[in-house]
Amino acid sequence: VIVVLVLLAGIAAAIVRLNSAAQTTATQELLATRAAQAARAGLQWGLYQAFKGPWTTCSGASSTLDLGSESGMRVTVGCSSTQYNEGESMPGTARTVRVYTLDAVACNSATICPDDSLVTRPGYVERRWQIHATD
C-alpha cells in the first residue's frame, strides 16, 4: 500500500509540474503574439507619420507608443530615409525616390523598449518588425 501511495504521489507531482510548464508556455505565447501585433501596429502608425504626418523626411525620427491599456505593450518606432535618383522623369530631369526604413520594437516593459535589463527575466517578451517603403 505504501509503495502504491508513493508511486501515485510521484505521478501527481509530475502532472502538476507538466501543467505548470504548459501554463507558462501558453502565457509566453500569448504575450509574444501581443508583442508581434503591437509591433505591426507601430509600423502602420509609423507609415502614416512618414507619408501623411510630420515625419516627411523621416531623418532619425523616433517615437514611443504606449499600448499598455490595450495589450500591455510599449512600442518604439524609429524611422530613417534616404533619397535616391532613379532614372529620369523627363529628359534631363532626375526622378528622385525616397526610401523609408521603419523599425518597430514592441515589448512588455513599463519604461523603455527594448529593455536590456529585463531580457533575462521570465515573462519578458520582445518582437521587432522592420519595413522598407517608397513614396
C-alpha atoms as a PDB file:
ATOM      1  CA  VAL A   1       0.000   0.000   0.000  1.00  0.00           C
ATOM      2  CA  ILE A   2       2.807   2.427   0.886  1.00  0.00           C
ATOM      3  CA  VAL A   3       4.612   1.744  -2.400  1.00  0.00           C
ATOM      4  CA  VAL A   4       1.422   2.399  -4.359  1.00  0.00           C
ATOM      5  CA  LEU A   5       0.834   5.655  -2.454  1.00  0.00           C
ATOM      6  CA  VAL A   6       4.411   6.796  -3.135  1.00  0.00           C
ATOM      7  CA  LEU A   7       4.016   5.989  -6.831  1.00  0.00           C
ATOM      8  CA  LEU A   8       0.697   7.854  -7.019  1.00  0.00           C
ATOM      9  CA  ALA A   9       2.229  10.851  -5.232  1.00  0.00           C
ATOM     10  CA  GLY A  10       5.122  10.855  -7.714  1.00  0.00           C
ATOM     11  CA  ILE A  11       2.726  10.706 -10.658  1.00  0.00           C
ATOM     12  CA  ALA A  12       0.629  13.527  -9.168  1.00  0.00           C
ATOM     13  CA  ALA A  13       3.733  15.695  -8.701  1.00  0.00           C
ATOM     14  CA  ALA A  14       4.779  15.080 -12.311  1.00  0.00           C
ATOM     15  CA  ILE A  15       1.305  16.019 -13.565  1.00  0.00           C
ATOM     16  CA  VAL A  16       1.342  19.239 -11.527  1.00  0.00           C
ATOM     17  CA  ARG A  17       4.773  20.116 -12.919  1.00  0.00           C
ATOM     18  CA  LEU A  18       3.730  19.455 -16.507  1.00  0.00           C
ATOM     19  CA  ASN A  19       0.574  21.504 -16.034  1.00  0.00           C
ATOM     20  CA  SER A  20       2.573  24.424 -14.648  1.00  0.00           C
ATOM     21  CA  ALA A  21       5.020  24.283 -17.558  1.00  0.00           C
ATOM     22  CA  ALA A  22       2.143  24.172 -20.049  1.00  0.00           C
ATOM     23  CA  GLN A  23       0.518  27.227 -18.475  1.00  0.00           C
ATOM     24  CA  THR A  24       3.803  29.155 -18.537  1.00  0.00           C
ATOM     25  CA  THR A  25       4.335  28.261 -22.192  1.00  0.00           C
ATOM     26  CA  ALA A  26       0.807  29.314 -23.119  1.00  0.00           C
ATOM     27  CA  THR A  27       1.241  32.632 -21.325  1.00  0.00           C
ATOM     28  CA  GLN A  28       4.552  33.298 -23.102  1.00  0.00           C
ATOM     29  CA  GLU A  29       2.962  32.506 -26.471  1.00  0.00           C
ATOM     30  CA  LEU A  30       0.076  34.874 -25.765  1.00  0.00           C
ATOM     31  CA  LEU A  31       2.468  37.676 -24.769  1.00  0.00           C
ATOM     32  CA  ALA A  32       4.613  37.038 -27.851  1.00  0.00           C
ATOM     33  CA  THR A  33       1.556  37.264 -30.104  1.00  0.00           C
ATOM     34  CA  ARG A  34       0.501  40.522 -28.458  1.00  0.00           C
ATOM     35  CA  ALA A  35       4.005  41.923 -28.916  1.00  0.00           C
ATOM     36  CA  ALA A  36       4.054  40.970 -32.602  1.00  0.00           C
ATOM     37  CA  GLN A  37       0.677  42.620 -33.175  1.00  0.00           C
ATOM     38  CA  ALA A  38       1.784  45.728 -31.270  1.00  0.00           C
ATOM     39  CA  ALA A  39       4.927  45.943 -33.434  1.00  0.00           C
ATOM     40  CA  ARG A  40       2.794  45.679 -36.571  1.00  0.00           C
ATOM     41  CA  ALA A  41       0.509  48.418 -35.262  1.00  0.00           C
ATOM     42  CA  GLY A  42       3.593  50.552 -34.601  1.00  0.00           C
ATOM     43  CA  LEU A  43       4.719  50.053 -38.211  1.00  0.00           C
ATOM     44  CA  GLN A  44       1.306  51.091 -39.508  1.00  0.00           C
ATOM     45  CA  TRP A  45       1.384  54.180 -37.301  1.00  0.00           C
ATOM     46  CA  GLY A  46       4.932  54.969 -38.473  1.00  0.00           C
ATOM     47  CA  LEU A  47       3.934  54.633 -42.131  1.00  0.00           C
ATOM     48  CA  TYR A  48       1.134  57.106 -41.558  1.00  0.00           C
ATOM     49  CA  GLN A  49       3.548  59.516 -39.855  1.00  0.00           C
ATOM     50  CA  ALA A  50       6.027  59.179 -42.740  1.00  0.00           C
ATOM     51  CA  PHE A  51       3.541  59.612 -45.597  1.00  0.00           C
ATOM     52  CA  LYS A  52       0.830  61.846 -44.123  1.00  0.00           C
ATOM     53  CA  GLY A  53       2.207  63.167 -40.839  1.00  0.00           C
ATOM     54  CA  PRO A  54       5.171  65.172 -39.605  1.00  0.00           C
ATOM     55  CA  TRP A  55       7.893  62.630 -40.491  1.00  0.00           C
ATOM     56  CA  THR A  56       8.113  63.654 -44.166  1.00  0.00           C
ATOM     57  CA  THR A  57      11.909  63.385 -44.322  1.00  0.00           C
ATOM     58  CA  CYS A  58      11.964  60.862 -41.506  1.00  0.00           C
ATOM     59  CA  SER A  59      15.596  61.537 -40.650  1.00  0.00           C
ATOM     60  CA  GLY A  60      16.164  59.686 -37.410  1.00  0.00           C
ATOM     61  CA  ALA A  61      12.630  60.261 -36.127  1.00  0.00           C
ATOM     62  CA  SER A  62      11.606  58.078 -33.218  1.00  0.00           C
ATOM     63  CA  SER A  63       8.569  57.842 -31.007  1.00  0.00           C
ATOM     64  CA  THR A  64       7.151  55.552 -28.345  1.00  0.00           C
ATOM     65  CA  LEU A  65       3.583  54.313 -28.374  1.00  0.00           C
ATOM     66  CA  ASP A  66       2.132  53.224 -25.061  1.00  0.00           C
ATOM     67  CA  LEU A  67      -0.375  50.463 -25.751  1.00  0.00           C
ATOM     68  CA  GLY A  68      -0.390  49.368 -22.129  1.00  0.00           C
ATOM     69  CA  SER A  69      -4.096  49.794 -21.556  1.00  0.00           C
ATOM     70  CA  GLU A  70      -4.991  47.701 -24.624  1.00  0.00           C
ATOM     71  CA  SER A  71      -2.336  44.989 -24.726  1.00  0.00           C
ATOM     72  CA  GLY A  72       0.216  45.679 -22.002  1.00  0.00           C
ATOM     73  CA  MET A  73       2.822  46.547 -24.641  1.00  0.00           C
ATOM     74  CA  ARG A  74       5.028  49.518 -25.377  1.00  0.00           C
ATOM     75  CA  VAL A  75       6.272  50.122 -28.937  1.00  0.00           C
ATOM     76  CA  THR A  76       9.267  52.171 -30.010  1.00  0.00           C
ATOM     77  CA  VAL A  77       9.037  53.189 -33.657  1.00  0.00           C
ATOM     78  CA  GLY A  78      12.086  54.541 -35.445  1.00  0.00           C
ATOM     79  CA  CYS A  79      12.312  55.917 -38.954  1.00  0.00           C
ATOM     80  CA  SER A  80      15.091  56.813 -41.325  1.00  0.00           C
ATOM     81  CA  SER A  81      15.039  57.646 -45.007  1.00  0.00           C
ATOM     82  CA  THR A  82      17.353  58.019 -47.951  1.00  0.00           C
ATOM     83  CA  GLN A  83      16.717  59.807 -51.208  1.00  0.00           C
ATOM     84  CA  TYR A  84      17.862  58.216 -54.470  1.00  0.00           C
ATOM     85  CA  ASN A  85      17.907  59.309 -58.099  1.00  0.00           C
ATOM     86  CA  GLU A  86      16.131  56.674 -60.124  1.00  0.00           C
ATOM     87  CA  GLY A  87      16.119  57.346 -63.821  1.00  0.00           C
ATOM     88  CA  GLU A  88      14.552  60.461 -65.284  1.00  0.00           C
ATOM     89  CA  SER A  89      11.034  61.778 -65.049  1.00  0.00           C
ATOM     90  CA  MET A  90      11.684  63.921 -68.135  1.00  0.00           C
ATOM     91  CA  PRO A  91      14.765  64.080 -70.333  1.00  0.00           C
ATOM     92  CA  GLY A  92      17.431  65.805 -68.262  1.00  0.00           C
ATOM     93  CA  THR A  93      15.356  65.805 -65.052  1.00  0.00           C
ATOM     94  CA  ALA A  94      16.298  63.246 -62.421  1.00  0.00           C
ATOM     95  CA  ARG A  95      13.458  61.331 -60.804  1.00  0.00           C
ATOM     96  CA  THR A  96      14.006  61.161 -57.040  1.00  0.00           C
ATOM     97  CA  VAL A  97      12.630  58.428 -54.837  1.00  0.00           C
ATOM     98  CA  ARG A  98      12.680  58.433 -51.045  1.00  0.00           C
ATOM     99  CA  VAL A  99      13.080  55.039 -49.356  1.00  0.00           C
ATOM    100  CA  TYR A 100      11.807  54.897 -45.780  1.00  0.00           C
ATOM    101  CA  THR A 101      13.029  52.309 -43.287  1.00  0.00           C
ATOM    102  CA  LEU A 102      10.740  51.895 -40.305  1.00  0.00           C
ATOM    103  CA  ASP A 103      11.689  49.780 -37.315  1.00  0.00           C
ATOM    104  CA  ALA A 104       9.187  48.886 -34.582  1.00  0.00           C
ATOM    105  CA  VAL A 105      10.177  47.141 -31.352  1.00  0.00           C
ATOM    106  CA  ALA A 106       7.364  46.048 -29.041  1.00  0.00           C
ATOM    107  CA  CYS A 107       7.862  44.695 -25.543  1.00  0.00           C
ATOM    108  CA  ASN A 108       6.035  44.366 -22.242  1.00  0.00           C
ATOM    109  CA  SER A 109       8.380  46.677 -20.338  1.00  0.00           C
ATOM    110  CA  ALA A 110       6.883  49.500 -18.307  1.00  0.00           C
ATOM    111  CA  THR A 111       9.607  52.024 -19.168  1.00  0.00           C
ATOM    112  CA  ILE A 112      11.536  51.683 -22.415  1.00  0.00           C
ATOM    113  CA  CYS A 113      11.527  49.275 -25.304  1.00  0.00           C
ATOM    114  CA  PRO A 114      13.721  47.335 -25.895  1.00  0.00           C
ATOM    115  CA  ASP A 115      14.680  46.970 -22.240  1.00  0.00           C
ATOM    116  CA  ASP A 116      18.028  45.181 -21.969  1.00  0.00           C
ATOM    117  CA  SER A 117      17.755  44.926 -18.183  1.00  0.00           C
ATOM    118  CA  LEU A 118      14.687  42.645 -18.469  1.00  0.00           C
ATOM    119  CA  VAL A 119      15.870  40.314 -21.239  1.00  0.00           C
ATOM    120  CA  THR A 120      16.858  37.502 -18.884  1.00  0.00           C
ATOM    121  CA  ARG A 121      13.738  37.728 -16.708  1.00  0.00           C
ATOM    122  CA  PRO A 122      10.926  35.250 -17.187  1.00  0.00           C
ATOM    123  CA  GLY A 123       7.804  36.774 -18.669  1.00  0.00           C
ATOM    124  CA  TYR A 124       9.590  39.413 -20.744  1.00  0.00           C
ATOM    125  CA  VAL A 125       8.792  39.333 -24.459  1.00  0.00           C
ATOM    126  CA  GLU A 126      10.048  41.479 -27.306  1.00  0.00           C
ATOM    127  CA  ARG A 127       9.271  41.466 -31.016  1.00  0.00           C
ATOM    128  CA  ARG A 128      10.841  43.536 -33.797  1.00  0.00           C
ATOM    129  CA  TRP A 129       9.392  44.251 -37.228  1.00  0.00           C
ATOM    130  CA  GLN A 130      11.076  46.277 -39.934  1.00  0.00           C
ATOM    131  CA  ILE A 131       9.708  47.541 -43.221  1.00  0.00           C
ATOM    132  CA  HIS A 132      11.021  49.432 -46.240  1.00  0.00           C
ATOM    133  CA  ALA A 133       8.648  51.663 -48.184  1.00  0.00           C
ATOM    134  CA  THR A 134       8.949  54.184 -51.011  1.00  0.00           C
ATOM    135  CA  ASP A 135       6.955  57.277 -51.757  1.00  0.00           C
END
